[in-house]
Amino acid sequence: MDPMERELDVRGLSCPIPYVRARALVGSLAPGDALVVLATDPEAPVDLGALAADEALGFHVERDEHGWRVRLSRGHPG
């Protein structure tokens, strides 16, 4: 099965809501899958970075004029 990328748009919502909603979805990520979280709260990258560490997920963050784009990814099996 091909890897899947889901998008979670939580722009305009304050933490911990982005974290809570992302946490509810990362458990369903299969190897190779990713969850892209779009957020405006400046705490979101910090909270989502902690989530990535807790769940052994890849973590990449970008900032643009619309806010934060945080990519959480489940690695391919060994």
PDB file of N, CA and C in Angstrom:
ATOM      1  N   MET A   1       0.835  -1.180   0.000  1.00  0.00           N
ATOM      2  CA  MET A   1       0.000   0.000   0.000  1.00  0.00           C
ATOM      3  C   MET A   1       0.885   1.250   0.000  1.00  0.00           C
ATOM      4  N   ASP A   2       0.493   2.257  -0.755  1.00  0.00           N
ATOM      5  CA  ASP A   2       1.260   3.491  -0.838  1.00  0.00           C
ATOM      6  C   ASP A   2       1.127   4.297   0.445  1.00  0.00           C
ATOM      7  N   PRO A   3       2.203   5.006   0.812  1.00  0.00           N
ATOM      8  CA  PRO A   3       2.116   5.885   1.986  1.00  0.00           C
ATOM      9  C   PRO A   3       1.033   6.946   1.796  1.00  0.00           C
ATOM     10  N   MET A   4       0.424   7.336   2.884  1.00  0.00           N
ATOM     11  CA  MET A   4      -0.647   8.316   2.844  1.00  0.00           C
ATOM     12  C   MET A   4      -0.238   9.543   3.664  1.00  0.00           C
ATOM     13  N   GLU A   5      -0.651  10.713   3.198  1.00  0.00           N
ATOM     14  CA  GLU A   5      -0.420  11.950   3.942  1.00  0.00           C
ATOM     15  C   GLU A   5      -1.765  12.571   4.252  1.00  0.00           C
ATOM     16  N   ARG A   6      -2.040  12.749   5.539  1.00  0.00           N
ATOM     17  CA  ARG A   6      -3.278  13.396   5.974  1.00  0.00           C
ATOM     18  C   ARG A   6      -2.960  14.814   6.409  1.00  0.00           C
ATOM     19  N   GLU A   7      -3.946  15.681   6.303  1.00  0.00           N
ATOM     20  CA  GLU A   7      -3.775  17.064   6.725  1.00  0.00           C
ATOM     21  C   GLU A   7      -4.765  17.371   7.841  1.00  0.00           C
ATOM     22  N   LEU A   8      -4.257  18.008   8.878  1.00  0.00           N
ATOM     23  CA  LEU A   8      -5.074  18.439  10.013  1.00  0.00           C
ATOM     24  C   LEU A   8      -4.956  19.958  10.102  1.00  0.00           C
ATOM     25  N   ASP A   9      -6.037  20.659   9.827  1.00  0.00           N
ATOM     26  CA  ASP A   9      -6.035  22.120   9.848  1.00  0.00           C
ATOM     27  C   ASP A   9      -6.599  22.597  11.182  1.00  0.00           C
ATOM     28  N   VAL A  10      -5.718  23.084  12.041  1.00  0.00           N
ATOM     29  CA  VAL A  10      -6.120  23.605  13.347  1.00  0.00           C
ATOM     30  C   VAL A  10      -5.741  25.082  13.470  1.00  0.00           C
ATOM     31  N   ARG A  11      -5.643  25.760  12.329  1.00  0.00           N
ATOM     32  CA  ARG A  11      -5.325  27.194  12.353  1.00  0.00           C
ATOM     33  C   ARG A  11      -6.431  27.938  13.093  1.00  0.00           C
ATOM     34  N   GLY A  12      -6.016  28.870  13.924  1.00  0.00           N
ATOM     35  CA  GLY A  12      -6.963  29.652  14.708  1.00  0.00           C
ATOM     36  C   GLY A  12      -7.285  29.036  16.064  1.00  0.00           C
ATOM     37  N   LEU A  13      -6.832  27.821  16.306  1.00  0.00           N
ATOM     38  CA  LEU A  13      -7.091  27.155  17.584  1.00  0.00           C
ATOM     39  C   LEU A  13      -5.844  27.231  18.462  1.00  0.00           C
ATOM     40  N   SER A  14      -6.058  27.425  19.751  1.00  0.00           N
ATOM     41  CA  SER A  14      -4.949  27.533  20.695  1.00  0.00           C
ATOM     42  C   SER A  14      -4.589  26.176  21.278  1.00  0.00           C
ATOM     43  N   CYS A  15      -3.326  26.052  21.652  1.00  0.00           N
ATOM     44  CA  CYS A  15      -2.880  24.835  22.319  1.00  0.00           C
ATOM     45  C   CYS A  15      -3.588  24.743  23.668  1.00  0.00           C
ATOM     46  N   PRO A  16      -3.964  23.565  24.076  1.00  0.00           N
ATOM     47  CA  PRO A  16      -3.466  22.280  23.605  1.00  0.00           C
ATOM     48  C   PRO A  16      -4.300  21.625  22.496  1.00  0.00           C
ATOM     49  N   ILE A  17      -5.259  22.325  21.904  1.00  0.00           N
ATOM     50  CA  ILE A  17      -6.136  21.701  20.908  1.00  0.00           C
ATOM     51  C   ILE A  17      -5.357  21.100  19.725  1.00  0.00           C
ATOM     52  N   PRO A  18      -4.385  21.803  19.116  1.00  0.00           N
ATOM     53  CA  PRO A  18      -3.635  21.169  18.029  1.00  0.00           C
ATOM     54  C   PRO A  18      -2.961  19.867  18.466  1.00  0.00           C
ATOM     55  N   TYR A  19      -2.374  19.874  19.658  1.00  0.00           N
ATOM     56  CA  TYR A  19      -1.725  18.678  20.196  1.00  0.00           C
ATOM     57  C   TYR A  19      -2.735  17.547  20.400  1.00  0.00           C
ATOM     58  N   VAL A  20      -3.851  17.858  21.024  1.00  0.00           N
ATOM     59  CA  VAL A  20      -4.864  16.845  21.321  1.00  0.00           C
ATOM     60  C   VAL A  20      -5.403  16.218  20.037  1.00  0.00           C
ATOM     61  N   ARG A  21      -5.693  17.040  19.056  1.00  0.00           N
ATOM     62  CA  ARG A  21      -6.239  16.517  17.796  1.00  0.00           C
ATOM     63  C   ARG A  21      -5.189  15.708  17.028  1.00  0.00           C
ATOM     64  N   ALA A  22      -3.950  16.160  17.045  1.00  0.00           N
ATOM     65  CA  ALA A  22      -2.887  15.410  16.364  1.00  0.00           C
ATOM     66  C   ALA A  22      -2.646  14.083  17.072  1.00  0.00           C
ATOM     67  N   ARG A  23      -2.633  14.104  18.387  1.00  0.00           N
ATOM     68  CA  ARG A  23      -2.405  12.878  19.155  1.00  0.00           C
ATOM     69  C   ARG A  23      -3.459  11.828  18.836  1.00  0.00           C
ATOM     70  N   ALA A  24      -4.686  12.271  18.634  1.00  0.00           N
ATOM     71  CA  ALA A  24      -5.772  11.338  18.321  1.00  0.00           C
ATOM     72  C   ALA A  24      -5.566  10.666  16.964  1.00  0.00           C
ATOM     73  N   LEU A  25      -4.792  11.284  16.072  1.00  0.00           N
ATOM     74  CA  LEU A  25      -4.605  10.752  14.720  1.00  0.00           C
ATOM     75  C   LEU A  25      -3.302   9.988  14.508  1.00  0.00           C
ATOM     76  N   VAL A  26      -2.260  10.303  15.254  1.00  0.00           N
ATOM     77  CA  VAL A  26      -0.960   9.692  14.959  1.00  0.00           C
ATOM     78  C   VAL A  26      -0.933   8.186  15.208  1.00  0.00           C
ATOM     79  N   GLY A  27      -1.779   7.690  16.068  1.00  0.00           N
ATOM     80  CA  GLY A  27      -1.807   6.250  16.316  1.00  0.00           C
ATOM     81  C   GLY A  27      -2.229   5.454  15.099  1.00  0.00           C
ATOM     82  N   SER A  28      -2.934   6.079  14.182  1.00  0.00           N
ATOM     83  CA  SER A  28      -3.395   5.383  12.977  1.00  0.00           C
ATOM     84  C   SER A  28      -2.409   5.479  11.814  1.00  0.00           C
ATOM     85  N   LEU A  29      -1.258   6.137  12.028  1.00  0.00           N
ATOM     86  CA  LEU A  29      -0.268   6.260  10.951  1.00  0.00           C
ATOM     87  C   LEU A  29       0.444   4.927  10.748  1.00  0.00           C
ATOM     88  N   ALA A  30       0.402   4.428   9.533  1.00  0.00           N
ATOM     89  CA  ALA A  30       1.140   3.224   9.169  1.00  0.00           C
ATOM     90  C   ALA A  30       2.562   3.627   8.772  1.00  0.00           C
ATOM     91  N   PRO A  31       3.490   2.676   8.725  1.00  0.00           N
ATOM     92  CA  PRO A  31       4.847   3.010   8.284  1.00  0.00           C
ATOM     93  C   PRO A  31       4.826   3.711   6.921  1.00  0.00           C
ATOM     94  N   GLY A  32       5.518   4.844   6.860  1.00  0.00           N
ATOM     95  CA  GLY A  32       5.573   5.645   5.640  1.00  0.00           C
ATOM     96  C   GLY A  32       4.537   6.749   5.582  1.00  0.00           C
ATOM     97  N   ASP A  33       3.509   6.674   6.432  1.00  0.00           N
ATOM     98  CA  ASP A  33       2.450   7.688   6.448  1.00  0.00           C
ATOM     99  C   ASP A  33       2.913   8.951   7.176  1.00  0.00           C
ATOM    100  N   ALA A  34       2.211  10.053   6.905  1.00  0.00           N
ATOM    101  CA  ALA A  34       2.528  11.317   7.558  1.00  0.00           C
ATOM    102  C   ALA A  34       1.242  12.071   7.882  1.00  0.00           C
ATOM    103  N   LEU A  35       1.329  12.880   8.901  1.00  0.00           N
ATOM    104  CA  LEU A  35       0.262  13.800   9.276  1.00  0.00           C
ATOM    105  C   LEU A  35       0.846  15.200   9.192  1.00  0.00           C
ATOM    106  N   VAL A  36       0.233  16.057   8.386  1.00  0.00           N
ATOM    107  CA  VAL A  36       0.666  17.445   8.260  1.00  0.00           C
ATOM    108  C   VAL A  36      -0.324  18.298   9.043  1.00  0.00           C
ATOM    109  N   VAL A  37       0.186  19.005  10.050  1.00  0.00           N
ATOM    110  CA  VAL A  37      -0.643  19.840  10.905  1.00  0.00           C
ATOM    111  C   VAL A  37      -0.410  21.300  10.526  1.00  0.00           C
ATOM    112  N   LEU A  38      -1.491  21.990  10.177  1.00  0.00           N
ATOM    113  CA  LEU A  38      -1.440  23.418   9.880  1.00  0.00           C
ATOM    114  C   LEU A  38      -1.933  24.160  11.112  1.00  0.00           C
ATOM    115  N   ALA A  39      -1.097  25.027  11.671  1.00  0.00           N
ATOM    116  CA  ALA A  39      -1.421  25.688  12.931  1.00  0.00           C
ATOM    117  C   ALA A  39      -0.948  27.135  12.915  1.00  0.00           C
ATOM    118  N   THR A  40      -1.588  27.950  13.745  1.00  0.00           N
ATOM    119  CA  THR A  40      -1.173  29.339  13.906  1.00  0.00           C
ATOM    120  C   THR A  40      -0.655  29.629  15.307  1.00  0.00           C
ATOM    121  N   ASP A  41      -0.958  28.795  16.269  1.00  0.00           N
ATOM    122  CA  ASP A  41      -0.491  28.997  17.641  1.00  0.00           C
ATOM    123  C   ASP A  41       1.026  28.767  17.688  1.00  0.00           C
ATOM    124  N   PRO A  42       1.806  29.752  18.179  1.00  0.00           N
ATOM    125  CA  PRO A  42       3.261  29.590  18.211  1.00  0.00           C
ATOM    126  C   PRO A  42       3.742  28.467  19.127  1.00  0.00           C
ATOM    127  N   GLU A  43       2.892  27.982  20.006  1.00  0.00           N
ATOM    128  CA  GLU A  43       3.257  26.852  20.871  1.00  0.00           C
ATOM    129  C   GLU A  43       3.080  25.511  20.168  1.00  0.00           C
ATOM    130  N   ALA A  44       2.351  25.476  19.071  1.00  0.00           N
ATOM    131  CA  ALA A  44       2.064  24.211  18.388  1.00  0.00           C
ATOM    132  C   ALA A  44       3.333  23.460  17.985  1.00  0.00           C
ATOM    133  N   PRO A  45       4.344  24.108  17.383  1.00  0.00           N
ATOM    134  CA  PRO A  45       5.545  23.342  17.025  1.00  0.00           C
ATOM    135  C   PRO A  45       6.239  22.719  18.239  1.00  0.00           C
ATOM    136  N   VAL A  46       6.212  23.416  19.357  1.00  0.00           N
ATOM    137  CA  VAL A  46       6.830  22.891  20.579  1.00  0.00           C
ATOM    138  C   VAL A  46       6.058  21.659  21.056  1.00  0.00           C
ATOM    139  N   ASP A  47       4.747  21.792  21.162  1.00  0.00           N
ATOM    140  CA  ASP A  47       3.918  20.680  21.632  1.00  0.00           C
ATOM    141  C   ASP A  47       3.967  19.496  20.668  1.00  0.00           C
ATOM    142  N   LEU A  48       3.932  19.775  19.369  1.00  0.00           N
ATOM    143  CA  LEU A  48       3.956  18.696  18.389  1.00  0.00           C
ATOM    144  C   LEU A  48       5.336  18.052  18.306  1.00  0.00           C
ATOM    145  N   GLY A  49       6.368  18.805  18.587  1.00  0.00           N
ATOM    146  CA  GLY A  49       7.711  18.223  18.672  1.00  0.00           C
ATOM    147  C   GLY A  49       7.803  17.231  19.820  1.00  0.00           C
ATOM    148  N   ALA A  50       7.173  17.566  20.945  1.00  0.00           N
ATOM    149  CA  ALA A  50       7.139  16.644  22.079  1.00  0.00           C
ATOM    150  C   ALA A  50       6.345  15.389  21.727  1.00  0.00           C
ATOM    151  N   LEU A  51       5.234  15.564  21.010  1.00  0.00           N
ATOM    152  CA  LEU A  51       4.445  14.421  20.570  1.00  0.00           C
ATOM    153  C   LEU A  51       5.280  13.523  19.659  1.00  0.00           C
ATOM    154  N   ALA A  52       6.010  14.118  18.734  1.00  0.00           N
ATOM    155  CA  ALA A  52       6.864  13.338  17.831  1.00  0.00           C
ATOM    156  C   ALA A  52       7.894  12.535  18.619  1.00  0.00           C
ATOM    157  N   ALA A  53       8.502  13.159  19.614  1.00  0.00           N
ATOM    158  CA  ALA A  53       9.487  12.456  20.438  1.00  0.00           C
ATOM    159  C   ALA A  53       8.839  11.313  21.209  1.00  0.00           C
ATOM    160  N   ASP A  54       7.683  11.553  21.793  1.00  0.00           N
ATOM    161  CA  ASP A  54       6.981  10.520  22.567  1.00  0.00           C
ATOM    162  C   ASP A  54       6.583   9.327  21.708  1.00  0.00           C
ATOM    163  N   GLU A  55       6.214   9.578  20.452  1.00  0.00           N
ATOM    164  CA  GLU A  55       5.692   8.535  19.567  1.00  0.00           C
ATOM    165  C   GLU A  55       6.732   8.030  18.554  1.00  0.00           C
ATOM    166  N   ALA A  56       7.992   8.469  18.694  1.00  0.00           N
ATOM    167  CA  ALA A  56       9.074   8.077  17.781  1.00  0.00           C
ATOM    168  C   ALA A  56       8.717   8.386  16.322  1.00  0.00           C
ATOM    169  N   LEU A  57       8.251   9.609  16.095  1.00  0.00           N
ATOM    170  CA  LEU A  57       7.860  10.057  14.763  1.00  0.00           C
ATOM    171  C   LEU A  57       8.895  11.017  14.201  1.00  0.00           C
ATOM    172  N   GLY A  58       8.991  11.045  12.868  1.00  0.00           N
ATOM    173  CA  GLY A  58       9.782  12.074  12.224  1.00  0.00           C
ATOM    174  C   GLY A  58       9.094  13.415  12.430  1.00  0.00           C
ATOM    175  N   PHE A  59       9.873  14.486  12.475  1.00  0.00           N
ATOM    176  CA  PHE A  59       9.335  15.813  12.774  1.00  0.00           C
ATOM    177  C   PHE A  59      10.017  16.838  11.887  1.00  0.00           C
ATOM    178  N   HIS A  60       9.205  17.607  11.167  1.00  0.00           N
ATOM    179  CA  HIS A  60       9.725  18.694  10.330  1.00  0.00           C
ATOM    180  C   HIS A  60       8.758  19.868  10.438  1.00  0.00           C
ATOM    181  N   VAL A  61       9.290  21.055  10.649  1.00  0.00           N
ATOM    182  CA  VAL A  61       8.433  22.233  10.795  1.00  0.00           C
ATOM    183  C   VAL A  61       8.881  23.339   9.851  1.00  0.00           C
ATOM    184  N   GLU A  62       7.903  24.013   9.270  1.00  0.00           N
ATOM    185  CA  GLU A  62       8.141  25.168   8.399  1.00  0.00           C
ATOM    186  C   GLU A  62       7.199  26.288   8.837  1.00  0.00           C
ATOM    187  N   ARG A  63       7.639  27.505   8.645  1.00  0.00           N
ATOM    188  CA  ARG A  63       6.797  28.664   8.943  1.00  0.00           C
ATOM    189  C   ARG A  63       6.642  29.486   7.677  1.00  0.00           C
ATOM    190  N   ASP A  64       5.423  29.965   7.436  1.00  0.00           N
ATOM    191  CA  ASP A  64       5.182  30.878   6.323  1.00  0.00           C
ATOM    192  C   ASP A  64       4.215  31.964   6.797  1.00  0.00           C
ATOM    193  N   GLU A  65       3.722  32.757   5.862  1.00  0.00           N
ATOM    194  CA  GLU A  65       2.841  33.872   6.244  1.00  0.00           C
ATOM    195  C   GLU A  65       1.505  33.421   6.827  1.00  0.00           C
ATOM    196  N   HIS A  66       1.162  32.144   6.667  1.00  0.00           N
ATOM    197  CA  HIS A  66      -0.109  31.620   7.175  1.00  0.00           C
ATOM    198  C   HIS A  66       0.028  30.930   8.520  1.00  0.00           C
ATOM    199  N   GLY A  67       1.246  30.719   8.991  1.00  0.00           N
ATOM    200  CA  GLY A  67       1.456  30.039  10.267  1.00  0.00           C
ATOM    201  C   GLY A  67       2.482  28.929  10.146  1.00  0.00           C
ATOM    202  N   TRP A  68       2.226  27.852  10.836  1.00  0.00           N
ATOM    203  CA  TRP A  68       3.146  26.729  10.924  1.00  0.00           C
ATOM    204  C   TRP A  68       2.626  25.545  10.124  1.00  0.00           C
ATOM    205  N   ARG A  69       3.562  24.815   9.508  1.00  0.00           N
ATOM    206  CA  ARG A  69       3.258  23.552   8.826  1.00  0.00           C
ATOM    207  C   ARG A  69       4.176  22.517   9.472  1.00  0.00           C
ATOM    208  N   VAL A  70       3.576  21.622  10.247  1.00  0.00           N
ATOM    209  CA  VAL A  70       4.325  20.631  10.989  1.00  0.00           C
ATOM    210  C   VAL A  70       4.029  19.253  10.399  1.00  0.00           C
ATOM    211  N   ARG A  71       5.081  18.548  10.004  1.00  0.00           N
ATOM    212  CA  ARG A  71       4.913  17.215   9.427  1.00  0.00           C
ATOM    213  C   ARG A  71       5.416  16.172  10.412  1.00  0.00           C
ATOM    214  N   LEU A  72       4.502  15.275  10.795  1.00  0.00           N
ATOM    215  CA  LEU A  72       4.828  14.154  11.672  1.00  0.00           C
ATOM    216  C   LEU A  72       4.758  12.896  10.814  1.00  0.00           C
ATOM    217  N   SER A  73       5.814  12.096  10.806  1.00  0.00           N
ATOM    218  CA  SER A  73       5.833  10.926   9.915  1.00  0.00           C
ATOM    219  C   SER A  73       6.267   9.678  10.651  1.00  0.00           C
ATOM    220  N   ARG A  74       5.680   8.573  10.238  1.00  0.00           N
ATOM    221  CA  ARG A  74       6.030   7.266  10.790  1.00  0.00           C
ATOM    222  C   ARG A  74       7.040   6.652   9.828  1.00  0.00           C
ATOM    223  N   GLY A  75       8.198   6.276  10.339  1.00  0.00           N
ATOM    224  CA  GLY A  75       9.251   5.724   9.499  1.00  0.00           C
ATOM    225  C   GLY A  75       8.891   4.385   8.892  1.00  0.00           C
ATOM    226  N   HIS A  76       9.621   4.048   7.842  1.00  0.00           N
ATOM    227  CA  HIS A  76       9.470   2.741   7.206  1.00  0.00           C
ATOM    228  C   HIS A  76      10.043   1.672   8.124  1.00  0.00           C
ATOM    229  N   PRO A  77       9.456   0.480   8.096  1.00  0.00           N
ATOM    230  CA  PRO A  77      10.002  -0.588   8.946  1.00  0.00           C
ATOM    231  C   PRO A  77      11.432  -0.924   8.538  1.00  0.00           C
ATOM    232  N   GLY A  78      12.238  -1.282   9.551  1.00  0.00           N
ATOM    233  CA  GLY A  78      13.616  -1.507   9.483  1.00  0.00           C
ATOM    234  C   GLY A  78      14.260  -2.265   8.458  1.00  0.00           C
TER     235      GLY A  78
END
